[in-house]
Amino acid sequence: MKKINIIRKSKEFAKMIKNRHYYSNRFFIIYIMKKSEKYFRFGISIPKKVGKSVIRNKIKRQIKSIIDNNKKFNRDLDYVIIVRKEILNLKYKEMAESLNLLLSKIDGECKK
């Protein structure tokens, strides 16, 4: 994932969460916001209750890998992915299926 595609500032996270346009499943909450740039951006947030920093960083790396492998993103959106604690029980393949299903749902509804 390129650095240009990463949301890092807490102001941007807060703005997207305040926008309150989100999709969720048992493992993820994805907030989206329309924008004018021609590239999509992602932010990943994992609360401390998910685990120690080693585990949280591993999950972040896995999510970034899933995002890099999935090319079906709406280019007009910014995404903030918030991970729920239940993610600890998932294997990588199940995590990828769950996240891809949620992203395809977002893509389908945004094209309408």
PDB file of N, CA and C in Angstrom:
ATOM      1  N   MET A   1       0.850  -1.170   0.000  1.00  0.00           N
ATOM      2  CA  MET A   1       0.000   0.000   0.000  1.00  0.00           C
ATOM      3  C   MET A   1       0.899   1.237   0.000  1.00  0.00           C
ATOM      4  N   LYS A   2       0.615   2.160  -0.899  1.00  0.00           N
ATOM      5  CA  LYS A   2       1.409   3.379  -0.994  1.00  0.00           C
ATOM      6  C   LYS A   2       1.095   4.307   0.169  1.00  0.00           C
ATOM      7  N   LYS A   3       2.073   5.123   0.535  1.00  0.00           N
ATOM      8  CA  LYS A   3       1.869   6.059   1.641  1.00  0.00           C
ATOM      9  C   LYS A   3       0.777   7.071   1.331  1.00  0.00           C
ATOM     10  N   ILE A   4       0.606   7.397   0.053  1.00  0.00           N
ATOM     11  CA  ILE A   4      -0.412   8.371  -0.331  1.00  0.00           C
ATOM     12  C   ILE A   4      -1.817   7.833  -0.045  1.00  0.00           C
ATOM     13  N   ASN A   5      -1.959   6.520   0.048  1.00  0.00           N
ATOM     14  CA  ASN A   5      -3.263   5.894   0.245  1.00  0.00           C
ATOM     15  C   ASN A   5      -3.599   5.641   1.706  1.00  0.00           C
ATOM     16  N   ILE A   6      -2.822   6.179   2.631  1.00  0.00           N
ATOM     17  CA  ILE A   6      -3.041   5.904   4.045  1.00  0.00           C
ATOM     18  C   ILE A   6      -3.535   7.165   4.759  1.00  0.00           C
ATOM     19  N   ILE A   7      -4.577   7.006   5.547  1.00  0.00           N
ATOM     20  CA  ILE A   7      -5.075   8.090   6.389  1.00  0.00           C
ATOM     21  C   ILE A   7      -4.403   7.942   7.748  1.00  0.00           C
ATOM     22  N   ARG A   8      -3.733   8.983   8.206  1.00  0.00           N
ATOM     23  CA  ARG A   8      -3.006   8.903   9.468  1.00  0.00           C
ATOM     24  C   ARG A   8      -3.490   9.900  10.516  1.00  0.00           C
ATOM     25  N   LYS A   9      -3.990  11.033  10.102  1.00  0.00           N
ATOM     26  CA  LYS A   9      -4.321  12.102  11.046  1.00  0.00           C
ATOM     27  C   LYS A   9      -5.611  11.800  11.804  1.00  0.00           C
ATOM     28  N   SER A  10      -5.573  12.045  13.096  1.00  0.00           N
ATOM     29  CA  SER A  10      -6.746  11.767  13.925  1.00  0.00           C
ATOM     30  C   SER A  10      -7.915  12.677  13.565  1.00  0.00           C
ATOM     31  N   LYS A  11      -7.634  13.871  13.040  1.00  0.00           N
ATOM     32  CA  LYS A  11      -8.711  14.764  12.602  1.00  0.00           C
ATOM     33  C   LYS A  11      -9.508  14.138  11.463  1.00  0.00           C
ATOM     34  N   GLU A  12      -8.799  13.482  10.536  1.00  0.00           N
ATOM     35  CA  GLU A  12      -9.477  12.839   9.410  1.00  0.00           C
ATOM     36  C   GLU A  12     -10.302  11.645   9.887  1.00  0.00           C
ATOM     37  N   PHE A  13      -9.756  10.874  10.826  1.00  0.00           N
ATOM     38  CA  PHE A  13     -10.512   9.762  11.400  1.00  0.00           C
ATOM     39  C   PHE A  13     -11.788  10.289  12.054  1.00  0.00           C
ATOM     40  N   ALA A  14     -11.648  11.326  12.868  1.00  0.00           N
ATOM     41  CA  ALA A  14     -12.800  11.887  13.589  1.00  0.00           C
ATOM     42  C   ALA A  14     -13.840  12.442  12.624  1.00  0.00           C
ATOM     43  N   LYS A  15     -13.396  13.088  11.566  1.00  0.00           N
ATOM     44  CA  LYS A  15     -14.315  13.648  10.572  1.00  0.00           C
ATOM     45  C   LYS A  15     -15.128  12.548   9.896  1.00  0.00           C
ATOM     46  N   MET A  16     -14.472  11.441   9.568  1.00  0.00           N
ATOM     47  CA  MET A  16     -15.175  10.344   8.899  1.00  0.00           C
ATOM     48  C   MET A  16     -16.150   9.653   9.844  1.00  0.00           C
ATOM     49  N   ILE A  17     -15.760   9.484  11.090  1.00  0.00           N
ATOM     50  CA  ILE A  17     -16.644   8.841  12.059  1.00  0.00           C
ATOM     51  C   ILE A  17     -17.829   9.747  12.368  1.00  0.00           C
ATOM     52  N   LYS A  18     -17.593  11.034  12.411  1.00  0.00           N
ATOM     53  CA  LYS A  18     -18.672  11.995  12.649  1.00  0.00           C
ATOM     54  C   LYS A  18     -19.667  12.003  11.490  1.00  0.00           C
ATOM     55  N   ASN A  19     -19.181  11.716  10.289  1.00  0.00           N
ATOM     56  CA  ASN A  19     -20.026  11.634   9.098  1.00  0.00           C
ATOM     57  C   ASN A  19     -21.090  10.541   9.238  1.00  0.00           C
ATOM     58  N   ARG A  20     -20.776   9.487   9.986  1.00  0.00           N
ATOM     59  CA  ARG A  20     -21.684   8.395  10.348  1.00  0.00           C
ATOM     60  C   ARG A  20     -22.233   7.591   9.174  1.00  0.00           C
ATOM     61  N   HIS A  21     -21.515   7.534   8.089  1.00  0.00           N
ATOM     62  CA  HIS A  21     -21.934   6.665   6.990  1.00  0.00           C
ATOM     63  C   HIS A  21     -21.039   5.431   7.051  1.00  0.00           C
ATOM     64  N   TYR A  22     -21.600   4.308   7.515  1.00  0.00           N
ATOM     65  CA  TYR A  22     -20.765   3.136   7.749  1.00  0.00           C
ATOM     66  C   TYR A  22     -21.479   1.841   7.379  1.00  0.00           C
ATOM     67  N   TYR A  23     -20.674   0.800   7.219  1.00  0.00           N
ATOM     68  CA  TYR A  23     -21.137  -0.563   6.994  1.00  0.00           C
ATOM     69  C   TYR A  23     -20.406  -1.426   8.010  1.00  0.00           C
ATOM     70  N   SER A  24     -21.069  -2.476   8.466  1.00  0.00           N
ATOM     71  CA  SER A  24     -20.407  -3.294   9.479  1.00  0.00           C
ATOM     72  C   SER A  24     -20.819  -4.755   9.352  1.00  0.00           C
ATOM     73  N   ASN A  25     -19.984  -5.599   9.907  1.00  0.00           N
ATOM     74  CA  ASN A  25     -20.313  -7.002  10.123  1.00  0.00           C
ATOM     75  C   ASN A  25     -19.765  -7.372  11.498  1.00  0.00           C
ATOM     76  N   ARG A  26     -19.634  -8.637  11.758  1.00  0.00           N
ATOM     77  CA  ARG A  26     -19.228  -9.085  13.084  1.00  0.00           C
ATOM     78  C   ARG A  26     -17.787  -8.716  13.434  1.00  0.00           C
ATOM     79  N   PHE A  27     -16.959  -8.510  12.416  1.00  0.00           N
ATOM     80  CA  PHE A  27     -15.531  -8.323  12.645  1.00  0.00           C
ATOM     81  C   PHE A  27     -15.016  -6.920  12.327  1.00  0.00           C
ATOM     82  N   PHE A  28     -15.727  -6.182  11.478  1.00  0.00           N
ATOM     83  CA  PHE A  28     -15.245  -4.879  11.026  1.00  0.00           C
ATOM     84  C   PHE A  28     -16.365  -3.844  11.032  1.00  0.00           C
ATOM     85  N   ILE A  29     -15.984  -2.592  11.204  1.00  0.00           N
ATOM     86  CA  ILE A  29     -16.847  -1.443  10.933  1.00  0.00           C
ATOM     87  C   ILE A  29     -16.065  -0.605   9.924  1.00  0.00           C
ATOM     88  N   ILE A  30     -16.685  -0.293   8.788  1.00  0.00           N
ATOM     89  CA  ILE A  30     -16.011   0.504   7.772  1.00  0.00           C
ATOM     90  C   ILE A  30     -16.789   1.794   7.571  1.00  0.00           C
ATOM     91  N   TYR A  31     -16.161   2.906   7.915  1.00  0.00           N
ATOM     92  CA  TYR A  31     -16.736   4.227   7.679  1.00  0.00           C
ATOM     93  C   TYR A  31     -16.263   4.699   6.310  1.00  0.00           C
ATOM     94  N   ILE A  32     -17.169   5.313   5.554  1.00  0.00           N
ATOM     95  CA  ILE A  32     -16.796   5.816   4.237  1.00  0.00           C
ATOM     96  C   ILE A  32     -17.174   7.284   4.115  1.00  0.00           C
ATOM     97  N   MET A  33     -16.464   7.972   3.240  1.00  0.00           N
ATOM     98  CA  MET A  33     -16.774   9.367   2.970  1.00  0.00           C
ATOM     99  C   MET A  33     -16.369   9.683   1.534  1.00  0.00           C
ATOM    100  N   LYS A  34     -17.255  10.343   0.811  1.00  0.00           N
ATOM    101  CA  LYS A  34     -16.948  10.734  -0.566  1.00  0.00           C
ATOM    102  C   LYS A  34     -15.940  11.871  -0.558  1.00  0.00           C
ATOM    103  N   LYS A  35     -15.128  11.911  -1.614  1.00  0.00           N
ATOM    104  CA  LYS A  35     -14.111  12.949  -1.742  1.00  0.00           C
ATOM    105  C   LYS A  35     -13.855  13.227  -3.212  1.00  0.00           C
ATOM    106  N   SER A  36     -13.003  14.183  -3.497  1.00  0.00           N
ATOM    107  CA  SER A  36     -12.794  14.604  -4.881  1.00  0.00           C
ATOM    108  C   SER A  36     -11.515  14.047  -5.514  1.00  0.00           C
ATOM    109  N   GLU A  37     -10.574  13.557  -4.727  1.00  0.00           N
ATOM    110  CA  GLU A  37      -9.343  13.020  -5.305  1.00  0.00           C
ATOM    111  C   GLU A  37      -9.649  11.768  -6.123  1.00  0.00           C
ATOM    112  N   LYS A  38      -8.732  11.422  -7.016  1.00  0.00           N
ATOM    113  CA  LYS A  38      -8.969  10.283  -7.900  1.00  0.00           C
ATOM    114  C   LYS A  38      -8.379   8.990  -7.355  1.00  0.00           C
ATOM    115  N   TYR A  39      -7.947   8.980  -6.134  1.00  0.00           N
ATOM    116  CA  TYR A  39      -7.422   7.762  -5.531  1.00  0.00           C
ATOM    117  C   TYR A  39      -8.108   7.553  -4.185  1.00  0.00           C
ATOM    118  N   PHE A  40      -8.244   6.295  -3.793  1.00  0.00           N
ATOM    119  CA  PHE A  40      -8.877   5.985  -2.515  1.00  0.00           C
ATOM    120  C   PHE A  40      -7.821   6.002  -1.415  1.00  0.00           C
ATOM    121  N   ARG A  41      -8.276   6.220  -0.182  1.00  0.00           N
ATOM    122  CA  ARG A  41      -7.382   6.194   0.974  1.00  0.00           C
ATOM    123  C   ARG A  41      -7.994   5.308   2.050  1.00  0.00           C
ATOM    124  N   PHE A  42      -7.113   4.675   2.823  1.00  0.00           N
ATOM    125  CA  PHE A  42      -7.538   3.804   3.905  1.00  0.00           C
ATOM    126  C   PHE A  42      -6.923   4.229   5.217  1.00  0.00           C
ATOM    127  N   GLY A  43      -7.676   4.052   6.282  1.00  0.00           N
ATOM    128  CA  GLY A  43      -7.172   4.187   7.636  1.00  0.00           C
ATOM    129  C   GLY A  43      -7.594   2.943   8.392  1.00  0.00           C
ATOM    130  N   ILE A  44      -6.728   2.425   9.212  1.00  0.00           N
ATOM    131  CA  ILE A  44      -7.024   1.214   9.981  1.00  0.00           C
ATOM    132  C   ILE A  44      -6.865   1.544  11.455  1.00  0.00           C
ATOM    133  N   SER A  45      -7.888   1.222  12.237  1.00  0.00           N
ATOM    134  CA  SER A  45      -7.851   1.467  13.672  1.00  0.00           C
ATOM    135  C   SER A  45      -8.176   0.173  14.404  1.00  0.00           C
ATOM    136  N   ILE A  46      -7.307  -0.174  15.335  1.00  0.00           N
ATOM    137  CA  ILE A  46      -7.522  -1.378  16.131  1.00  0.00           C
ATOM    138  C   ILE A  46      -7.437  -0.974  17.597  1.00  0.00           C
ATOM    139  N   PRO A  47      -8.539  -1.111  18.348  1.00  0.00           N
ATOM    140  CA  PRO A  47      -8.522  -0.710  19.757  1.00  0.00           C
ATOM    141  C   PRO A  47      -7.589  -1.584  20.603  1.00  0.00           C
ATOM    142  N   LYS A  48      -7.152  -1.058  21.716  1.00  0.00           N
ATOM    143  CA  LYS A  48      -6.235  -1.789  22.595  1.00  0.00           C
ATOM    144  C   LYS A  48      -6.861  -3.039  23.192  1.00  0.00           C
ATOM    145  N   LYS A  49      -8.184  -3.097  23.256  1.00  0.00           N
ATOM    146  CA  LYS A  49      -8.820  -4.288  23.826  1.00  0.00           C
ATOM    147  C   LYS A  49      -8.689  -5.509  22.915  1.00  0.00           C
ATOM    148  N   VAL A  50      -8.240  -5.301  21.663  1.00  0.00           N
ATOM    149  CA  VAL A  50      -8.036  -6.425  20.751  1.00  0.00           C
ATOM    150  C   VAL A  50      -6.824  -7.241  21.170  1.00  0.00           C
ATOM    151  N   GLY A  51      -5.800  -6.608  21.686  1.00  0.00           N
ATOM    152  CA  GLY A  51      -4.623  -7.345  22.121  1.00  0.00           C
ATOM    153  C   GLY A  51      -3.433  -6.423  22.271  1.00  0.00           C
ATOM    154  N   LYS A  52      -2.292  -7.025  22.539  1.00  0.00           N
ATOM    155  CA  LYS A  52      -1.064  -6.251  22.680  1.00  0.00           C
ATOM    156  C   LYS A  52      -0.625  -5.726  21.317  1.00  0.00           C
ATOM    157  N   SER A  53       0.349  -4.830  21.316  1.00  0.00           N
ATOM    158  CA  SER A  53       0.743  -4.144  20.084  1.00  0.00           C
ATOM    159  C   SER A  53       1.241  -5.107  19.003  1.00  0.00           C
ATOM    160  N   VAL A  54       1.881  -6.195  19.395  1.00  0.00           N
ATOM    161  CA  VAL A  54       2.365  -7.169  18.416  1.00  0.00           C
ATOM    162  C   VAL A  54       1.190  -7.751  17.635  1.00  0.00           C
ATOM    163  N   ILE A  55       0.139  -8.100  18.333  1.00  0.00           N
ATOM    164  CA  ILE A  55      -1.049  -8.676  17.695  1.00  0.00           C
ATOM    165  C   ILE A  55      -1.755  -7.627  16.844  1.00  0.00           C
ATOM    166  N   ARG A  56      -1.894  -6.418  17.362  1.00  0.00           N
ATOM    167  CA  ARG A  56      -2.562  -5.347  16.601  1.00  0.00           C
ATOM    168  C   ARG A  56      -1.797  -5.026  15.322  1.00  0.00           C
ATOM    169  N   ASN A  57      -0.474  -4.973  15.399  1.00  0.00           N
ATOM    170  CA  ASN A  57       0.328  -4.692  14.205  1.00  0.00           C
ATOM    171  C   ASN A  57       0.251  -5.828  13.193  1.00  0.00           C
ATOM    172  N   LYS A  58       0.184  -7.060  13.669  1.00  0.00           N
ATOM    173  CA  LYS A  58       0.030  -8.205  12.764  1.00  0.00           C
ATOM    174  C   LYS A  58      -1.294  -8.098  12.015  1.00  0.00           C
ATOM    175  N   ILE A  59      -2.357  -7.765  12.729  1.00  0.00           N
ATOM    176  CA  ILE A  59      -3.669  -7.625  12.097  1.00  0.00           C
ATOM    177  C   ILE A  59      -3.645  -6.482  11.084  1.00  0.00           C
ATOM    178  N   LYS A  60      -2.988  -5.368  11.409  1.00  0.00           N
ATOM    179  CA  LYS A  60      -2.868  -4.251  10.457  1.00  0.00           C
ATOM    180  C   LYS A  60      -2.148  -4.691   9.191  1.00  0.00           C
ATOM    181  N   ARG A  61      -1.053  -5.441   9.342  1.00  0.00           N
ATOM    182  CA  ARG A  61      -0.319  -5.922   8.167  1.00  0.00           C
ATOM    183  C   ARG A  61      -1.184  -6.843   7.323  1.00  0.00           C
ATOM    184  N   GLN A  62      -1.963  -7.705   7.978  1.00  0.00           N
ATOM    185  CA  GLN A  62      -2.836  -8.608   7.238  1.00  0.00           C
ATOM    186  C   GLN A  62      -3.914  -7.837   6.482  1.00  0.00           C
ATOM    187  N   ILE A  63      -4.497  -6.829   7.110  1.00  0.00           N
ATOM    188  CA  ILE A  63      -5.528  -6.024   6.450  1.00  0.00           C
ATOM    189  C   ILE A  63      -4.933  -5.263   5.271  1.00  0.00           C
ATOM    190  N   LYS A  64      -3.739  -4.705   5.433  1.00  0.00           N
ATOM    191  CA  LYS A  64      -3.087  -4.010   4.318  1.00  0.00           C
ATOM    192  C   LYS A  64      -2.827  -4.962   3.161  1.00  0.00           C
ATOM    193  N   SER A  65      -2.454  -6.193   3.468  1.00  0.00           N
ATOM    194  CA  SER A  65      -2.234  -7.193   2.427  1.00  0.00           C
ATOM    195  C   SER A  65      -3.538  -7.512   1.690  1.00  0.00           C
ATOM    196  N   ILE A  66      -4.619  -7.646   2.427  1.00  0.00           N
ATOM    197  CA  ILE A  66      -5.926  -7.912   1.818  1.00  0.00           C
ATOM    198  C   ILE A  66      -6.320  -6.751   0.913  1.00  0.00           C
ATOM    199  N   ILE A  67      -6.095  -5.532   1.360  1.00  0.00           N
ATOM    200  CA  ILE A  67      -6.431  -4.345   0.568  1.00  0.00           C
ATOM    201  C   ILE A  67      -5.590  -4.298  -0.704  1.00  0.00           C
ATOM    202  N   ASP A  68      -4.296  -4.606  -0.603  1.00  0.00           N
ATOM    203  CA  ASP A  68      -3.431  -4.598  -1.782  1.00  0.00           C
ATOM    204  C   ASP A  68      -3.858  -5.642  -2.805  1.00  0.00           C
ATOM    205  N   ASN A  69      -4.359  -6.780  -2.338  1.00  0.00           N
ATOM    206  CA  ASN A  69      -4.775  -7.849  -3.247  1.00  0.00           C
ATOM    207  C   ASN A  69      -6.151  -7.618  -3.843  1.00  0.00           C
ATOM    208  N   ASN A  70      -6.961  -6.776  -3.220  1.00  0.00           N
ATOM    209  CA  ASN A  70      -8.316  -6.503  -3.698  1.00  0.00           C
ATOM    210  C   ASN A  70      -8.293  -5.206  -4.497  1.00  0.00           C
ATOM    211  N   LYS A  71      -8.659  -5.276  -5.762  1.00  0.00           N
ATOM    212  CA  LYS A  71      -8.598  -4.088  -6.626  1.00  0.00           C
ATOM    213  C   LYS A  71      -9.977  -3.511  -6.928  1.00  0.00           C
ATOM    214  N   LYS A  72     -11.016  -3.955  -6.233  1.00  0.00           N
ATOM    215  CA  LYS A  72     -12.373  -3.510  -6.527  1.00  0.00           C
ATOM    216  C   LYS A  72     -12.818  -2.401  -5.583  1.00  0.00           C
ATOM    217  N   PHE A  73     -12.112  -1.302  -5.563  1.00  0.00           N
ATOM    218  CA  PHE A  73     -12.480  -0.220  -4.667  1.00  0.00           C
ATOM    219  C   PHE A  73     -13.092   0.923  -5.436  1.00  0.00           C
ATOM    220  N   ASN A  74     -14.018   1.575  -4.799  1.00  0.00           N
ATOM    221  CA  ASN A  74     -14.589   2.792  -5.348  1.00  0.00           C
ATOM    222  C   ASN A  74     -13.552   3.895  -5.157  1.00  0.00           C
ATOM    223  N   ARG A  75     -13.058   4.450  -6.226  1.00  0.00           N
ATOM    224  CA  ARG A  75     -11.972   5.443  -6.173  1.00  0.00           C
ATOM    225  C   ARG A  75     -12.415   6.775  -5.585  1.00  0.00           C
ATOM    226  N   ASP A  76     -13.712   6.989  -5.447  1.00  0.00           N
ATOM    227  CA  ASP A  76     -14.222   8.268  -4.948  1.00  0.00           C
ATOM    228  C   ASP A  76     -14.422   8.277  -3.439  1.00  0.00           C
ATOM    229  N   LEU A  77     -13.951   7.257  -2.741  1.00  0.00           N
ATOM    230  CA  LEU A  77     -14.221   7.144  -1.312  1.00  0.00           C
ATOM    231  C   LEU A  77     -12.939   7.059  -0.492  1.00  0.00           C
ATOM    232  N   ASP A  78     -13.037   7.541   0.736  1.00  0.00           N
ATOM    233  CA  ASP A  78     -12.043   7.259   1.768  1.00  0.00           C
ATOM    234  C   ASP A  78     -12.655   6.212   2.688  1.00  0.00           C
ATOM    235  N   TYR A  79     -11.832   5.309   3.195  1.00  0.00           N
ATOM    236  CA  TYR A  79     -12.301   4.236   4.064  1.00  0.00           C
ATOM    237  C   TYR A  79     -11.554   4.295   5.394  1.00  0.00           C
ATOM    238  N   VAL A  80     -12.278   4.107   6.485  1.00  0.00           N
ATOM    239  CA  VAL A  80     -11.659   3.887   7.790  1.00  0.00           C
ATOM    240  C   VAL A  80     -12.181   2.550   8.297  1.00  0.00           C
ATOM    241  N   ILE A  81     -11.263   1.621   8.522  1.00  0.00           N
ATOM    242  CA  ILE A  81     -11.622   0.282   8.980  1.00  0.00           C
ATOM    243  C   ILE A  81     -11.333   0.202  10.471  1.00  0.00           C
ATOM    244  N   ILE A  82     -12.361  -0.108  11.241  1.00  0.00           N
ATOM    245  CA  ILE A  82     -12.202  -0.316  12.676  1.00  0.00           C
ATOM    246  C   ILE A  82     -12.433  -1.800  12.942  1.00  0.00           C
ATOM    247  N   VAL A  83     -11.484  -2.399  13.618  1.00  0.00           N
ATOM    248  CA  VAL A  83     -11.506  -3.838  13.856  1.00  0.00           C
ATOM    249  C   VAL A  83     -12.158  -4.122  15.198  1.00  0.00           C
ATOM    250  N   ARG A  84     -13.002  -5.142  15.227  1.00  0.00           N
ATOM    251  CA  ARG A  84     -13.635  -5.564  16.480  1.00  0.00           C
ATOM    252  C   ARG A  84     -12.840  -6.697  17.123  1.00  0.00           C
ATOM    253  N   LYS A  85     -13.076  -6.921  18.398  1.00  0.00           N
ATOM    254  CA  LYS A  85     -12.313  -7.902  19.176  1.00  0.00           C
ATOM    255  C   LYS A  85     -12.479  -9.336  18.655  1.00  0.00           C
ATOM    256  N   GLU A  86     -13.607  -9.637  18.036  1.00  0.00           N
ATOM    257  CA  GLU A  86     -13.875 -10.988  17.540  1.00  0.00           C
ATOM    258  C   GLU A  86     -12.894 -11.421  16.451  1.00  0.00           C
ATOM    259  N   ILE A  87     -12.114 -10.493  15.921  1.00  0.00           N
ATOM    260  CA  ILE A  87     -11.154 -10.793  14.859  1.00  0.00           C
ATOM    261  C   ILE A  87     -10.079 -11.769  15.342  1.00  0.00           C
ATOM    262  N   LEU A  88      -9.860 -11.827  16.647  1.00  0.00           N
ATOM    263  CA  LEU A  88      -8.816 -12.692  17.201  1.00  0.00           C
ATOM    264  C   LEU A  88      -9.074 -14.166  16.921  1.00  0.00           C
ATOM    265  N   ASN A  89     -10.329 -14.539  16.709  1.00  0.00           N
ATOM    266  CA  ASN A  89     -10.677 -15.937  16.479  1.00  0.00           C
ATOM    267  C   ASN A  89     -10.588 -16.341  15.011  1.00  0.00           C
ATOM    268  N   LEU A  90     -10.243 -15.408  14.115  1.00  0.00           N
ATOM    269  CA  LEU A  90     -10.244 -15.681  12.678  1.00  0.00           C
ATOM    270  C   LEU A  90      -8.862 -16.031  12.151  1.00  0.00           C
ATOM    271  N   LYS A  91      -8.841 -16.879  11.154  1.00  0.00           N
ATOM    272  CA  LYS A  91      -7.632 -17.129  10.390  1.00  0.00           C
ATOM    273  C   LYS A  91      -7.574 -16.086   9.271  1.00  0.00           C
ATOM    274  N   TYR A  92      -6.421 -15.964   8.622  1.00  0.00           N
ATOM    275  CA  TYR A  92      -6.233 -14.946   7.587  1.00  0.00           C
ATOM    276  C   TYR A  92      -7.254 -15.094   6.460  1.00  0.00           C
ATOM    277  N   LYS A  93      -7.476 -16.301   6.002  1.00  0.00           N
ATOM    278  CA  LYS A  93      -8.391 -16.534   4.878  1.00  0.00           C
ATOM    279  C   LYS A  93      -9.817 -16.097   5.236  1.00  0.00           C
ATOM    280  N   GLU A  94     -10.251 -16.417   6.444  1.00  0.00           N
ATOM    281  CA  GLU A  94     -11.592 -16.010   6.884  1.00  0.00           C
ATOM    282  C   GLU A  94     -11.679 -14.490   7.016  1.00  0.00           C
ATOM    283  N   MET A  95     -10.591 -13.875   7.502  1.00  0.00           N
ATOM    284  CA  MET A  95     -10.555 -12.418   7.622  1.00  0.00           C
ATOM    285  C   MET A  95     -10.666 -11.777   6.237  1.00  0.00           C
ATOM    286  N   ALA A  96      -9.947 -12.331   5.270  1.00  0.00           N
ATOM    287  CA  ALA A  96      -9.979 -11.800   3.907  1.00  0.00           C
ATOM    288  C   ALA A  96     -11.379 -11.925   3.312  1.00  0.00           C
ATOM    289  N   GLU A  97     -12.018 -13.071   3.504  1.00  0.00           N
ATOM    290  CA  GLU A  97     -13.374 -13.265   2.975  1.00  0.00           C
ATOM    291  C   GLU A  97     -14.351 -12.273   3.597  1.00  0.00           C
ATOM    292  N   SER A  98     -14.263 -12.088   4.893  1.00  0.00           N
ATOM    293  CA  SER A  98     -15.167 -11.181   5.591  1.00  0.00           C
ATOM    294  C   SER A  98     -14.976  -9.734   5.134  1.00  0.00           C
ATOM    295  N   LEU A  99     -13.729  -9.300   5.041  1.00  0.00           N
ATOM    296  CA  LEU A  99     -13.442  -7.926   4.625  1.00  0.00           C
ATOM    297  C   LEU A  99     -13.816  -7.702   3.160  1.00  0.00           C
ATOM    298  N   ASN A 100     -13.483  -8.662   2.290  1.00  0.00           N
ATOM    299  CA  ASN A 100     -13.826  -8.527   0.872  1.00  0.00           C
ATOM    300  C   ASN A 100     -15.329  -8.500   0.656  1.00  0.00           C
ATOM    301  N   LEU A 101     -16.063  -9.284   1.420  1.00  0.00           N
ATOM    302  CA  LEU A 101     -17.523  -9.287   1.314  1.00  0.00           C
ATOM    303  C   LEU A 101     -18.089  -7.925   1.703  1.00  0.00           C
ATOM    304  N   LEU A 102     -17.579  -7.355   2.763  1.00  0.00           N
ATOM    305  CA  LEU A 102     -18.045  -6.041   3.211  1.00  0.00           C
ATOM    306  C   LEU A 102     -17.665  -4.946   2.208  1.00  0.00           C
ATOM    307  N   LEU A 103     -16.462  -5.021   1.651  1.00  0.00           N
ATOM    308  CA  LEU A 103     -16.038  -4.026   0.660  1.00  0.00           C
ATOM    309  C   LEU A 103     -16.840  -4.137  -0.633  1.00  0.00           C
ATOM    310  N   SER A 104     -17.166  -5.362  -1.040  1.00  0.00           N
ATOM    311  CA  SER A 104     -17.984  -5.515  -2.248  1.00  0.00           C
ATOM    312  C   SER A 104     -19.407  -5.016  -2.007  1.00  0.00           C
ATOM    313  N   LYS A 105     -19.916  -5.164  -0.787  1.00  0.00           N
ATOM    314  CA  LYS A 105     -21.233  -4.621  -0.439  1.00  0.00           C
ATOM    315  C   LYS A 105     -21.216  -3.096  -0.549  1.00  0.00           C
ATOM    316  N   ILE A 106     -20.160  -2.476  -0.044  1.00  0.00           N
ATOM    317  CA  ILE A 106     -20.020  -1.019  -0.135  1.00  0.00           C
ATOM    318  C   ILE A 106     -19.946  -0.592  -1.595  1.00  0.00           C
ATOM    319  N   ASP A 107     -19.141  -1.298  -2.381  1.00  0.00           N
ATOM    320  CA  ASP A 107     -18.977  -0.954  -3.792  1.00  0.00           C
ATOM    321  C   ASP A 107     -20.297  -1.079  -4.547  1.00  0.00           C
ATOM    322  N   GLY A 108     -21.051  -2.134  -4.252  1.00  0.00           N
ATOM    323  CA  GLY A 108     -22.339  -2.337  -4.913  1.00  0.00           C
ATOM    324  C   GLY A 108     -23.351  -1.261  -4.571  1.00  0.00           C
ATOM    325  N   GLU A 109     -23.402  -0.857  -3.325  1.00  0.00           N
ATOM    326  CA  GLU A 109     -24.381   0.153  -2.909  1.00  0.00           C
ATOM    327  C   GLU A 109     -23.981   1.559  -3.338  1.00  0.00           C
ATOM    328  N   CYS A 110     -22.694   1.815  -3.477  1.00  0.00           N
ATOM    329  CA  CYS A 110     -22.254   3.157  -3.887  1.00  0.00           C
ATOM    330  C   CYS A 110     -22.418   3.377  -5.388  1.00  0.00           C
ATOM    331  N   LYS A 111     -22.515   2.299  -6.158  1.00  0.00           N
ATOM    332  CA  LYS A 111     -22.690   2.437  -7.606  1.00  0.00           C
ATOM    333  C   LYS A 111     -24.135   2.690  -7.990  1.00  0.00           C
ATOM    334  N   LYS A 112     -25.052   2.470  -7.051  1.00  0.00           N
ATOM    335  CA  LYS A 112     -26.477   2.655  -7.352  1.00  0.00           C
ATOM    336  C   LYS A 112     -26.826   4.095  -7.551  1.00  0.00           C
TER     337      LYS A 112
END
